[in-house]
Amino acid sequence: MTAYTIHSSRPHESILPRSHRDAHQRRLSYGPIQPMDGPPSLLARLFGKRP
């Protein structure tokens, strides 16, 4: 048995929110990645969605 303990600035994994395992799982939860800028899509223009 070792006589020292390991100290880290990162919190323990049990209290961190779980990240998604892969991009497919993220897409299922949140939908496709949305552009931050650029022209609005056709549906956004039709339904008057403004960012």
PDB file of N, CA and C in Angstrom:
ATOM      1  N   MET A   1       0.847  -1.186   0.000  1.00  0.00           N
ATOM      2  CA  MET A   1       0.000   0.000   0.000  1.00  0.00           C
ATOM      3  C   MET A   1       0.884   1.238   0.000  1.00  0.00           C
ATOM      4  N   THR A   2       0.460   2.250  -0.756  1.00  0.00           N
ATOM      5  CA  THR A   2       1.272   3.455  -0.830  1.00  0.00           C
ATOM      6  C   THR A   2       0.987   4.370   0.354  1.00  0.00           C
ATOM      7  N   ALA A   3       1.963   5.158   0.686  1.00  0.00           N
ATOM      8  CA  ALA A   3       1.847   6.039   1.850  1.00  0.00           C
ATOM      9  C   ALA A   3       1.443   7.457   1.462  1.00  0.00           C
ATOM     10  N   TYR A   4       1.121   7.695   0.199  1.00  0.00           N
ATOM     11  CA  TYR A   4       0.765   9.038  -0.222  1.00  0.00           C
ATOM     12  C   TYR A   4      -0.615   9.019  -0.883  1.00  0.00           C
ATOM     13  N   THR A   5      -1.254  10.180  -0.924  1.00  0.00           N
ATOM     14  CA  THR A   5      -2.533  10.311  -1.603  1.00  0.00           C
ATOM     15  C   THR A   5      -2.354  11.193  -2.827  1.00  0.00           C
ATOM     16  N   ILE A   6      -3.207  10.979  -3.783  1.00  0.00           N
ATOM     17  CA  ILE A   6      -3.135  11.743  -5.023  1.00  0.00           C
ATOM     18  C   ILE A   6      -4.084  12.934  -4.911  1.00  0.00           C
ATOM     19  N   HIS A   7      -3.578  14.138  -5.167  1.00  0.00           N
ATOM     20  CA  HIS A   7      -4.384  15.353  -5.128  1.00  0.00           C
ATOM     21  C   HIS A   7      -4.529  15.885  -6.544  1.00  0.00           C
ATOM     22  N   SER A   8      -5.732  16.298  -6.874  1.00  0.00           N
ATOM     23  CA  SER A   8      -6.009  16.813  -8.201  1.00  0.00           C
ATOM     24  C   SER A   8      -6.968  17.998  -8.084  1.00  0.00           C
ATOM     25  N   SER A   9      -6.861  18.933  -9.011  1.00  0.00           N
ATOM     26  CA  SER A   9      -7.766  20.077  -8.999  1.00  0.00           C
ATOM     27  C   SER A   9      -9.094  19.729  -9.671  1.00  0.00           C
ATOM     28  N   ARG A  10      -9.137  18.590 -10.347  1.00  0.00           N
ATOM     29  CA  ARG A  10     -10.362  18.175 -11.022  1.00  0.00           C
ATOM     30  C   ARG A  10     -11.284  17.472 -10.036  1.00  0.00           C
ATOM     31  N   PRO A  11     -12.583  17.808 -10.048  1.00  0.00           N
ATOM     32  CA  PRO A  11     -13.515  17.137  -9.142  1.00  0.00           C
ATOM     33  C   PRO A  11     -13.631  15.646  -9.463  1.00  0.00           C
ATOM     34  N   HIS A  12     -14.108  14.889  -8.510  1.00  0.00           N
ATOM     35  CA  HIS A  12     -14.260  13.451  -8.699  1.00  0.00           C
ATOM     36  C   HIS A  12     -15.309  13.174  -9.776  1.00  0.00           C
ATOM     37  N   GLU A  13     -15.159  12.068 -10.501  1.00  0.00           N
ATOM     38  CA  GLU A  13     -16.058  11.755 -11.606  1.00  0.00           C
ATOM     39  C   GLU A  13     -17.498  11.579 -11.159  1.00  0.00           C
ATOM     40  N   SER A  14     -17.708  11.183  -9.918  1.00  0.00           N
ATOM     41  CA  SER A  14     -19.073  10.930  -9.448  1.00  0.00           C
ATOM     42  C   SER A  14     -19.897  12.212  -9.328  1.00  0.00           C
ATOM     43  N   ILE A  15     -19.256  13.386  -9.241  1.00  0.00           N
ATOM     44  CA  ILE A  15     -20.014  14.624  -9.115  1.00  0.00           C
ATOM     45  C   ILE A  15     -19.999  15.465 -10.393  1.00  0.00           C
ATOM     46  N   LEU A  16     -19.284  15.012 -11.417  1.00  0.00           N
ATOM     47  CA  LEU A  16     -19.271  15.719 -12.695  1.00  0.00           C
ATOM     48  C   LEU A  16     -20.443  15.258 -13.554  1.00  0.00           C
ATOM     49  N   PRO A  17     -21.062  16.154 -14.336  1.00  0.00           N
ATOM     50  CA  PRO A  17     -22.116  15.696 -15.240  1.00  0.00           C
ATOM     51  C   PRO A  17     -21.513  14.791 -16.314  1.00  0.00           C
ATOM     52  N   ARG A  18     -22.253  13.775 -16.669  1.00  0.00           N
ATOM     53  CA  ARG A  18     -21.746  12.827 -17.667  1.00  0.00           C
ATOM     54  C   ARG A  18     -21.838  13.435 -19.063  1.00  0.00           C
ATOM     55  N   SER A  19     -20.748  13.409 -19.772  1.00  0.00           N
ATOM     56  CA  SER A  19     -20.766  13.895 -21.148  1.00  0.00           C
ATOM     57  C   SER A  19     -21.283  12.775 -22.041  1.00  0.00           C
ATOM     58  N   HIS A  20     -21.744  13.132 -23.207  1.00  0.00           N
ATOM     59  CA  HIS A  20     -22.241  12.125 -24.131  1.00  0.00           C
ATOM     60  C   HIS A  20     -21.082  11.325 -24.671  1.00  0.00           C
ATOM     61  N   ARG A  21     -21.340  10.067 -24.888  1.00  0.00           N
ATOM     62  CA  ARG A  21     -20.291   9.159 -25.364  1.00  0.00           C
ATOM     63  C   ARG A  21     -19.881   9.461 -26.803  1.00  0.00           C
ATOM     64  N   ASP A  22     -20.837   9.839 -27.610  1.00  0.00           N
ATOM     65  CA  ASP A  22     -20.492  10.097 -29.012  1.00  0.00           C
ATOM     66  C   ASP A  22     -21.425  11.160 -29.596  1.00  0.00           C
ATOM     67  N   ALA A  23     -21.116  11.575 -30.805  1.00  0.00           N
ATOM     68  CA  ALA A  23     -21.864  12.644 -31.460  1.00  0.00           C
ATOM     69  C   ALA A  23     -23.300  12.219 -31.745  1.00  0.00           C
ATOM     70  N   HIS A  24     -23.519  10.937 -32.031  1.00  0.00           N
ATOM     71  CA  HIS A  24     -24.874  10.467 -32.320  1.00  0.00           C
ATOM     72  C   HIS A  24     -25.775  10.630 -31.101  1.00  0.00           C
ATOM     73  N   GLN A  25     -25.285  10.298 -29.939  1.00  0.00           N
ATOM     74  CA  GLN A  25     -26.068  10.439 -28.717  1.00  0.00           C
ATOM     75  C   GLN A  25     -26.367  11.915 -28.434  1.00  0.00           C
ATOM     76  N   ARG A  26     -25.401  12.800 -28.677  1.00  0.00           N
ATOM     77  CA  ARG A  26     -25.622  14.227 -28.496  1.00  0.00           C
ATOM     78  C   ARG A  26     -26.699  14.731 -29.465  1.00  0.00           C
ATOM     79  N   ARG A  27     -26.650  14.259 -30.686  1.00  0.00           N
ATOM     80  CA  ARG A  27     -27.644  14.688 -31.679  1.00  0.00           C
ATOM     81  C   ARG A  27     -29.047  14.214 -31.306  1.00  0.00           C
ATOM     82  N   LEU A  28     -29.157  13.000 -30.770  1.00  0.00           N
ATOM     83  CA  LEU A  28     -30.460  12.499 -30.348  1.00  0.00           C
ATOM     84  C   LEU A  28     -31.036  13.349 -29.220  1.00  0.00           C
ATOM     85  N   SER A  29     -30.188  13.827 -28.338  1.00  0.00           N
ATOM     86  CA  SER A  29     -30.654  14.610 -27.192  1.00  0.00           C
ATOM     87  C   SER A  29     -30.941  16.059 -27.555  1.00  0.00           C
ATOM     88  N   TYR A  30     -30.083  16.678 -28.354  1.00  0.00           N
ATOM     89  CA  TYR A  30     -30.160  18.124 -28.583  1.00  0.00           C
ATOM     90  C   TYR A  30     -30.456  18.527 -30.013  1.00  0.00           C
ATOM     91  N   GLY A  31     -30.480  17.593 -30.947  1.00  0.00           N
ATOM     92  CA  GLY A  31     -30.720  17.925 -32.346  1.00  0.00           C
ATOM     93  C   GLY A  31     -29.414  18.281 -33.050  1.00  0.00           C
ATOM     94  N   PRO A  32     -29.500  18.623 -34.324  1.00  0.00           N
ATOM     95  CA  PRO A  32     -28.291  18.934 -35.079  1.00  0.00           C
ATOM     96  C   PRO A  32     -27.636  20.229 -34.598  1.00  0.00           C
ATOM     97  N   ILE A  33     -26.381  20.360 -34.898  1.00  0.00           N
ATOM     98  CA  ILE A  33     -25.636  21.556 -34.527  1.00  0.00           C
ATOM     99  C   ILE A  33     -26.181  22.741 -35.308  1.00  0.00           C
ATOM    100  N   GLN A  34     -26.445  23.831 -34.610  1.00  0.00           N
ATOM    101  CA  GLN A  34     -26.991  25.029 -35.241  1.00  0.00           C
ATOM    102  C   GLN A  34     -25.866  26.019 -35.527  1.00  0.00           C
ATOM    103  N   PRO A  35     -25.887  26.663 -36.695  1.00  0.00           N
ATOM    104  CA  PRO A  35     -24.858  27.659 -36.986  1.00  0.00           C
ATOM    105  C   PRO A  35     -25.030  28.882 -36.092  1.00  0.00           C
ATOM    106  N   MET A  36     -23.923  29.494 -35.719  1.00  0.00           N
ATOM    107  CA  MET A  36     -23.979  30.672 -34.861  1.00  0.00           C
ATOM    108  C   MET A  36     -24.271  31.936 -35.659  1.00  0.00           C
ATOM    109  N   ASP A  37     -23.934  31.926 -36.929  1.00  0.00           N
ATOM    110  CA  ASP A  37     -24.218  33.082 -37.767  1.00  0.00           C
ATOM    111  C   ASP A  37     -24.500  32.600 -39.184  1.00  0.00           C
ATOM    112  N   GLY A  38     -24.816  33.513 -40.045  1.00  0.00           N
ATOM    113  CA  GLY A  38     -25.116  33.146 -41.418  1.00  0.00           C
ATOM    114  C   GLY A  38     -26.564  33.418 -41.736  1.00  0.00           C
ATOM    115  N   PRO A  39     -26.920  33.240 -42.972  1.00  0.00           N
ATOM    116  CA  PRO A  39     -28.301  33.528 -43.365  1.00  0.00           C
ATOM    117  C   PRO A  39     -29.259  32.531 -42.722  1.00  0.00           C
ATOM    118  N   PRO A  40     -30.488  32.971 -42.396  1.00  0.00           N
ATOM    119  CA  PRO A  40     -31.461  32.059 -41.798  1.00  0.00           C
ATOM    120  C   PRO A  40     -31.916  31.009 -42.819  1.00  0.00           C
ATOM    121  N   SER A  41     -32.317  29.872 -42.338  1.00  0.00           N
ATOM    122  CA  SER A  41     -32.772  28.805 -43.219  1.00  0.00           C
ATOM    123  C   SER A  41     -34.142  29.155 -43.802  1.00  0.00           C
ATOM    124  N   LEU A  42     -34.573  28.348 -44.739  1.00  0.00           N
ATOM    125  CA  LEU A  42     -35.863  28.580 -45.379  1.00  0.00           C
ATOM    126  C   LEU A  42     -36.996  28.497 -44.350  1.00  0.00           C
ATOM    127  N   LEU A  43     -36.961  27.496 -43.469  1.00  0.00           N
ATOM    128  CA  LEU A  43     -38.008  27.360 -42.458  1.00  0.00           C
ATOM    129  C   LEU A  43     -37.991  28.530 -41.478  1.00  0.00           C
ATOM    130  N   ALA A  44     -36.822  28.989 -41.127  1.00  0.00           N
ATOM    131  CA  ALA A  44     -36.723  30.122 -40.213  1.00  0.00           C
ATOM    132  C   ALA A  44     -37.308  31.376 -40.855  1.00  0.00           C
ATOM    133  N   ARG A  45     -37.086  31.543 -42.144  1.00  0.00           N
ATOM    134  CA  ARG A  45     -37.643  32.705 -42.831  1.00  0.00           C
ATOM    135  C   ARG A  45     -39.155  32.586 -42.975  1.00  0.00           C
ATOM    136  N   LEU A  46     -39.656  31.382 -43.252  1.00  0.00           N
ATOM    137  CA  LEU A  46     -41.088  31.189 -43.422  1.00  0.00           C
ATOM    138  C   LEU A  46     -41.857  31.421 -42.124  1.00  0.00           C
ATOM    139  N   PHE A  47     -41.321  30.924 -41.020  1.00  0.00           N
ATOM    140  CA  PHE A  47     -42.021  31.031 -39.749  1.00  0.00           C
ATOM    141  C   PHE A  47     -41.599  32.236 -38.924  1.00  0.00           C
ATOM    142  N   GLY A  48     -40.723  33.072 -39.477  1.00  0.00           N
ATOM    143  CA  GLY A  48     -40.340  34.317 -38.822  1.00  0.00           C
ATOM    144  C   GLY A  48     -39.485  34.128 -37.594  1.00  0.00           C
ATOM    145  N   LYS A  49     -38.748  33.022 -37.521  1.00  0.00           N
ATOM    146  CA  LYS A  49     -37.871  32.813 -36.366  1.00  0.00           C
ATOM    147  C   LYS A  49     -36.694  33.753 -36.436  1.00  0.00           C
ATOM    148  N   ARG A  50     -36.490  34.473 -35.381  1.00  0.00           N
ATOM    149  CA  ARG A  50     -35.352  35.391 -35.309  1.00  0.00           C
ATOM    150  C   ARG A  50     -34.414  34.893 -34.218  1.00  0.00           C
ATOM    151  N   PRO A  51     -33.099  34.968 -34.457  1.00  0.00           N
ATOM    152  CA  PRO A  51     -32.144  34.517 -33.425  1.00  0.00           C
ATOM    153  C   PRO A  51     -32.121  35.399 -32.212  1.00  0.00           C
TER     154      PRO A  51
END
